[in-house]
């Protein structure tokens, strides 16, 4: 299985390492600088949509884990939903809800919300997906 992790939470490195230890191929895309807004934000999202689609299609990812509410994370959720790739978003149980547009769309489109730790992500991957042969 190939898993794409999008976002720069402190936990993403440990999650990636745990998935690799289980035999998954892991790709990580960081957030990049936040866009200025307006046309700049639209251009960033359009660029991210193209880049994420390339990352998910060649070779295909089996799952996407979103670890932020960045334009890149939104693009990953949109493309994964379009391609039928399962998406989990990371959200600590004690965090307040971020009500920005990206956050609301990610929350609506992701199939599940996980605690931001390796064991939660591993359990989701193990329960949902058969290992590659």
Foldseek 3Di string as FASTA:
>chain_A
DEEEEEEDDPAPVVLCVLVVVVPYHYHYHYQPDAFPDDPRLVVVLVVLLVVLLCVCVVPHHQEYEYEDLHSNSLSNLVNCLVVVRAYEYEDAPPDDQDPDPSSVSNVVRHPYYFHSHNVRVVVVCVVPDDDDD
